[in-house]
């Protein structure tokens, strides 16, 4: 397993209740490309982060 993650993209979007399902889907299907997707919840928005494993 890689030691570090490099943040390569961030996008703030309108809150979507099931966004965690999208992030889970992306991680399961694109993890083999050394990509990791994360999500941060704010009051009425989500911040989606894309990381590249080093």
PDB file of N, CA and C in Angstrom:
ATOM      1  N   UNK A   1       0.836  -1.193   0.000  1.00  0.00           N
ATOM      2  CA  UNK A   1       0.000   0.000   0.000  1.00  0.00           C
ATOM      3  C   UNK A   1       0.872   1.244   0.000  1.00  0.00           C
ATOM      4  N   UNK A   2       0.422   2.253  -0.673  1.00  0.00           N
ATOM      5  CA  UNK A   2       1.163   3.496  -0.779  1.00  0.00           C
ATOM      6  C   UNK A   2       1.123   4.253   0.544  1.00  0.00           C
ATOM      7  N   UNK A   3       2.106   5.130   0.735  1.00  0.00           N
ATOM      8  CA  UNK A   3       2.214   5.858   2.004  1.00  0.00           C
ATOM      9  C   UNK A   3       1.462   7.176   2.018  1.00  0.00           C
ATOM     10  N   UNK A   4       1.395   7.857   0.891  1.00  0.00           N
ATOM     11  CA  UNK A   4       0.852   9.214   0.884  1.00  0.00           C
ATOM     12  C   UNK A   4      -0.208   9.391  -0.193  1.00  0.00           C
ATOM     13  N   UNK A   5      -1.053  10.367   0.049  1.00  0.00           N
ATOM     14  CA  UNK A   5      -2.057  10.753  -0.932  1.00  0.00           C
ATOM     15  C   UNK A   5      -1.812  12.186  -1.351  1.00  0.00           C
ATOM     16  N   UNK A   6      -1.897  12.433  -2.640  1.00  0.00           N
ATOM     17  CA  UNK A   6      -1.752  13.782  -3.182  1.00  0.00           C
ATOM     18  C   UNK A   6      -3.125  14.259  -3.646  1.00  0.00           C
ATOM     19  N   UNK A   7      -3.562  15.386  -3.119  1.00  0.00           N
ATOM     20  CA  UNK A   7      -4.840  15.962  -3.532  1.00  0.00           C
ATOM     21  C   UNK A   7      -4.685  16.499  -4.949  1.00  0.00           C
ATOM     22  N   UNK A   8      -5.528  16.013  -5.867  1.00  0.00           N
ATOM     23  CA  UNK A   8      -5.409  16.466  -7.258  1.00  0.00           C
ATOM     24  C   UNK A   8      -6.622  17.262  -7.736  1.00  0.00           C
ATOM     25  N   UNK A   9      -7.758  17.159  -7.028  1.00  0.00           N
ATOM     26  CA  UNK A   9      -8.934  17.926  -7.444  1.00  0.00           C
ATOM     27  C   UNK A   9      -9.922  18.049  -6.292  1.00  0.00           C
ATOM     28  N   UNK A  10     -10.632  19.167  -6.286  1.00  0.00           N
ATOM     29  CA  UNK A  10     -11.667  19.435  -5.287  1.00  0.00           C
ATOM     30  C   UNK A  10     -12.830  20.116  -5.984  1.00  0.00           C
ATOM     31  N   UNK A  11     -14.049  19.723  -5.604  1.00  0.00           N
ATOM     32  CA  UNK A  11     -15.245  20.340  -6.178  1.00  0.00           C
ATOM     33  C   UNK A  11     -16.312  20.437  -5.101  1.00  0.00           C
ATOM     34  N   UNK A  12     -16.879  21.621  -4.921  1.00  0.00           N
ATOM     35  CA  UNK A  12     -17.971  21.818  -3.983  1.00  0.00           C
ATOM     36  C   UNK A  12     -19.283  21.788  -4.759  1.00  0.00           C
ATOM     37  N   UNK A  13     -20.217  20.977  -4.282  1.00  0.00           N
ATOM     38  CA  UNK A  13     -21.496  20.826  -4.964  1.00  0.00           C
ATOM     39  C   UNK A  13     -22.635  20.941  -3.956  1.00  0.00           C
ATOM     40  N   UNK A  14     -23.833  21.109  -4.479  1.00  0.00           N
ATOM     41  CA  UNK A  14     -25.037  21.153  -3.657  1.00  0.00           C
ATOM     42  C   UNK A  14     -25.192  19.824  -2.914  1.00  0.00           C
ATOM     43  N   UNK A  15     -25.684  19.896  -1.698  1.00  0.00           N
ATOM     44  CA  UNK A  15     -25.869  18.709  -0.863  1.00  0.00           C
ATOM     45  C   UNK A  15     -26.753  17.685  -1.578  1.00  0.00           C
ATOM     46  N   UNK A  16     -26.301  16.442  -1.556  1.00  0.00           N
ATOM     47  CA  UNK A  16     -27.054  15.324  -2.115  1.00  0.00           C
ATOM     48  C   UNK A  16     -26.997  14.194  -1.093  1.00  0.00           C
ATOM     49  N   UNK A  17     -28.144  13.797  -0.611  1.00  0.00           N
ATOM     50  CA  UNK A  17     -28.246  12.856   0.507  1.00  0.00           C
ATOM     51  C   UNK A  17     -27.496  11.545   0.282  1.00  0.00           C
ATOM     52  N   UNK A  18     -27.463  11.052  -0.930  1.00  0.00           N
ATOM     53  CA  UNK A  18     -26.833   9.762  -1.197  1.00  0.00           C
ATOM     54  C   UNK A  18     -25.478   9.879  -1.892  1.00  0.00           C
ATOM     55  N   UNK A  19     -24.816  10.998  -1.725  1.00  0.00           N
ATOM     56  CA  UNK A  19     -23.510  11.195  -2.369  1.00  0.00           C
ATOM     57  C   UNK A  19     -22.492  10.157  -1.894  1.00  0.00           C
ATOM     58  N   UNK A  20     -22.614   9.699  -0.663  1.00  0.00           N
ATOM     59  CA  UNK A  20     -21.681   8.693  -0.159  1.00  0.00           C
ATOM     60  C   UNK A  20     -21.722   7.429  -1.020  1.00  0.00           C
ATOM     61  N   UNK A  21     -22.861   7.113  -1.623  1.00  0.00           N
ATOM     62  CA  UNK A  21     -22.966   5.953  -2.500  1.00  0.00           C
ATOM     63  C   UNK A  21     -22.162   6.163  -3.788  1.00  0.00           C
ATOM     64  N   UNK A  22     -22.171   7.386  -4.291  1.00  0.00           N
ATOM     65  CA  UNK A  22     -21.388   7.716  -5.485  1.00  0.00           C
ATOM     66  C   UNK A  22     -19.898   7.590  -5.178  1.00  0.00           C
ATOM     67  N   UNK A  23     -19.480   8.128  -4.035  1.00  0.00           N
ATOM     68  CA  UNK A  23     -18.068   8.071  -3.636  1.00  0.00           C
ATOM     69  C   UNK A  23     -17.638   6.624  -3.441  1.00  0.00           C
ATOM     70  N   UNK A  24     -18.467   5.830  -2.807  1.00  0.00           N
ATOM     71  CA  UNK A  24     -18.168   4.409  -2.609  1.00  0.00           C
ATOM     72  C   UNK A  24     -18.016   3.694  -3.949  1.00  0.00           C
ATOM     73  N   UNK A  25     -18.923   3.969  -4.883  1.00  0.00           N
ATOM     74  CA  UNK A  25     -18.866   3.383  -6.220  1.00  0.00           C
ATOM     75  C   UNK A  25     -17.550   3.757  -6.923  1.00  0.00           C
ATOM     76  N   UNK A  26     -17.185   5.019  -6.858  1.00  0.00           N
ATOM     77  CA  UNK A  26     -15.945   5.463  -7.500  1.00  0.00           C
ATOM     78  C   UNK A  26     -14.724   4.791  -6.884  1.00  0.00           C
ATOM     79  N   UNK A  27     -14.671   4.720  -5.561  1.00  0.00           N
ATOM     80  CA  UNK A  27     -13.534   4.079  -4.896  1.00  0.00           C
ATOM     81  C   UNK A  27     -13.425   2.603  -5.246  1.00  0.00           C
ATOM     82  N   UNK A  28     -14.544   1.910  -5.312  1.00  0.00           N
ATOM     83  CA  UNK A  28     -14.523   0.482  -5.636  1.00  0.00           C
ATOM     84  C   UNK A  28     -14.101   0.223  -7.072  1.00  0.00           C
ATOM     85  N   UNK A  29     -14.461   1.117  -7.981  1.00  0.00           N
ATOM     86  CA  UNK A  29     -14.205   0.867  -9.397  1.00  0.00           C
ATOM     87  C   UNK A  29     -12.968   1.551  -9.956  1.00  0.00           C
ATOM     88  N   UNK A  30     -12.467   2.561  -9.281  1.00  0.00           N
ATOM     89  CA  UNK A  30     -11.289   3.273  -9.789  1.00  0.00           C
ATOM     90  C   UNK A  30     -10.080   3.162  -8.867  1.00  0.00           C
ATOM     91  N   UNK A  31     -10.208   2.419  -7.798  1.00  0.00           N
ATOM     92  CA  UNK A  31      -9.098   2.235  -6.868  1.00  0.00           C
ATOM     93  C   UNK A  31      -7.882   1.596  -7.521  1.00  0.00           C
ATOM     94  N   UNK A  32      -8.103   0.746  -8.506  1.00  0.00           N
ATOM     95  CA  UNK A  32      -6.986   0.096  -9.195  1.00  0.00           C
ATOM     96  C   UNK A  32      -6.154   1.080 -10.019  1.00  0.00           C
ATOM     97  N   UNK A  33      -6.656   2.299 -10.209  1.00  0.00           N
ATOM     98  CA  UNK A  33      -5.924   3.356 -10.914  1.00  0.00           C
ATOM     99  C   UNK A  33      -5.208   4.280  -9.941  1.00  0.00           C
ATOM    100  N   UNK A  34      -5.080   3.840  -8.690  1.00  0.00           N
ATOM    101  CA  UNK A  34      -4.425   4.614  -7.623  1.00  0.00           C
ATOM    102  C   UNK A  34      -5.150   5.913  -7.315  1.00  0.00           C
ATOM    103  N   UNK A  35      -6.465   5.926  -7.487  1.00  0.00           N
ATOM    104  CA  UNK A  35      -7.278   7.089  -7.146  1.00  0.00           C
ATOM    105  C   UNK A  35      -8.102   6.781  -5.912  1.00  0.00           C
ATOM    106  N   UNK A  36      -8.225   7.784  -5.055  1.00  0.00           N
ATOM    107  CA  UNK A  36      -9.044   7.672  -3.850  1.00  0.00           C
ATOM    108  C   UNK A  36      -9.970   8.887  -3.826  1.00  0.00           C
ATOM    109  N   UNK A  37     -11.243   8.652  -3.590  1.00  0.00           N
ATOM    110  CA  UNK A  37     -12.240   9.717  -3.553  1.00  0.00           C
ATOM    111  C   UNK A  37     -12.701   9.911  -2.121  1.00  0.00           C
ATOM    112  N   UNK A  38     -12.854  11.164  -1.739  1.00  0.00           N
ATOM    113  CA  UNK A  38     -13.310  11.485  -0.396  1.00  0.00           C
ATOM    114  C   UNK A  38     -14.405  12.526  -0.452  1.00  0.00           C
ATOM    115  N   UNK A  39     -15.114  12.659   0.660  1.00  0.00           N
ATOM    116  CA  UNK A  39     -16.216  13.613   0.718  1.00  0.00           C
ATOM    117  C   UNK A  39     -16.216  14.283   2.086  1.00  0.00           C
ATOM    118  N   UNK A  40     -16.500  15.567   2.067  1.00  0.00           N
ATOM    119  CA  UNK A  40     -16.678  16.335   3.296  1.00  0.00           C
ATOM    120  C   UNK A  40     -18.068  16.942   3.235  1.00  0.00           C
ATOM    121  N   UNK A  41     -18.788  16.834   4.333  1.00  0.00           N
ATOM    122  CA  UNK A  41     -20.135  17.398   4.373  1.00  0.00           C
ATOM    123  C   UNK A  41     -20.106  18.744   5.080  1.00  0.00           C
ATOM    124  N   UNK A  42     -20.752  19.708   4.485  1.00  0.00           N
ATOM    125  CA  UNK A  42     -20.970  21.001   5.107  1.00  0.00           C
ATOM    126  C   UNK A  42     -22.470  21.161   5.302  1.00  0.00           C
ATOM    127  N   UNK A  43     -22.884  22.306   5.762  1.00  0.00           N
ATOM    128  CA  UNK A  43     -24.288  22.545   6.082  1.00  0.00           C
ATOM    129  C   UNK A  43     -25.220  22.209   4.909  1.00  0.00           C
ATOM    130  N   UNK A  44     -24.968  22.765   3.752  1.00  0.00           N
ATOM    131  CA  UNK A  44     -25.837  22.515   2.599  1.00  0.00           C
ATOM    132  C   UNK A  44     -25.050  22.191   1.332  1.00  0.00           C
ATOM    133  N   UNK A  45     -23.803  21.776   1.503  1.00  0.00           N
ATOM    134  CA  UNK A  45     -22.983  21.380   0.353  1.00  0.00           C
ATOM    135  C   UNK A  45     -22.123  20.165   0.709  1.00  0.00           C
ATOM    136  N   UNK A  46     -21.584  19.566  -0.311  1.00  0.00           N
ATOM    137  CA  UNK A  46     -20.565  18.526  -0.174  1.00  0.00           C
ATOM    138  C   UNK A  46     -19.306  19.018  -0.867  1.00  0.00           C
ATOM    139  N   UNK A  47     -18.171  18.625  -0.355  1.00  0.00           N
ATOM    140  CA  UNK A  47     -16.904  18.863  -1.031  1.00  0.00           C
ATOM    141  C   UNK A  47     -16.348  17.492  -1.394  1.00  0.00           C
ATOM    142  N   UNK A  48     -16.164  17.300  -2.687  1.00  0.00           N
ATOM    143  CA  UNK A  48     -15.617  16.041  -3.183  1.00  0.00           C
ATOM    144  C   UNK A  48     -14.129  16.252  -3.447  1.00  0.00           C
ATOM    145  N   UNK A  49     -13.318  15.348  -2.918  1.00  0.00           N
ATOM    146  CA  UNK A  49     -11.874  15.413  -3.115  1.00  0.00           C
ATOM    147  C   UNK A  49     -11.420  14.173  -3.869  1.00  0.00           C
ATOM    148  N   UNK A  50     -10.476  14.369  -4.774  1.00  0.00           N
ATOM    149  CA  UNK A  50      -9.861  13.261  -5.496  1.00  0.00           C
ATOM    150  C   UNK A  50      -8.379  13.264  -5.158  1.00  0.00           C
ATOM    151  N   UNK A  51      -7.903  12.111  -4.748  1.00  0.00           N
ATOM    152  CA  UNK A  51      -6.503  11.951  -4.364  1.00  0.00           C
ATOM    153  C   UNK A  51      -5.835  10.920  -5.265  1.00  0.00           C
ATOM    154  N   UNK A  52      -4.551  11.093  -5.468  1.00  0.00           N
ATOM    155  CA  UNK A  52      -3.737  10.138  -6.211  1.00  0.00           C
ATOM    156  C   UNK A  52      -2.756   9.533  -5.219  1.00  0.00           C
ATOM    157  N   UNK A  53      -2.688   8.207  -5.149  1.00  0.00           N
ATOM    158  CA  UNK A  53      -1.725   7.557  -4.279  1.00  0.00           C
ATOM    159  C   UNK A  53      -0.328   7.720  -4.844  1.00  0.00           C
ATOM    160  N   UNK A  54       0.612   8.032  -3.961  1.00  0.00           N
ATOM    161  CA  UNK A  54       2.015   8.196  -4.384  1.00  0.00           C
ATOM    162  C   UNK A  54       2.775   6.914  -4.166  1.00  0.00           C
TER     163      UNK A  54
END
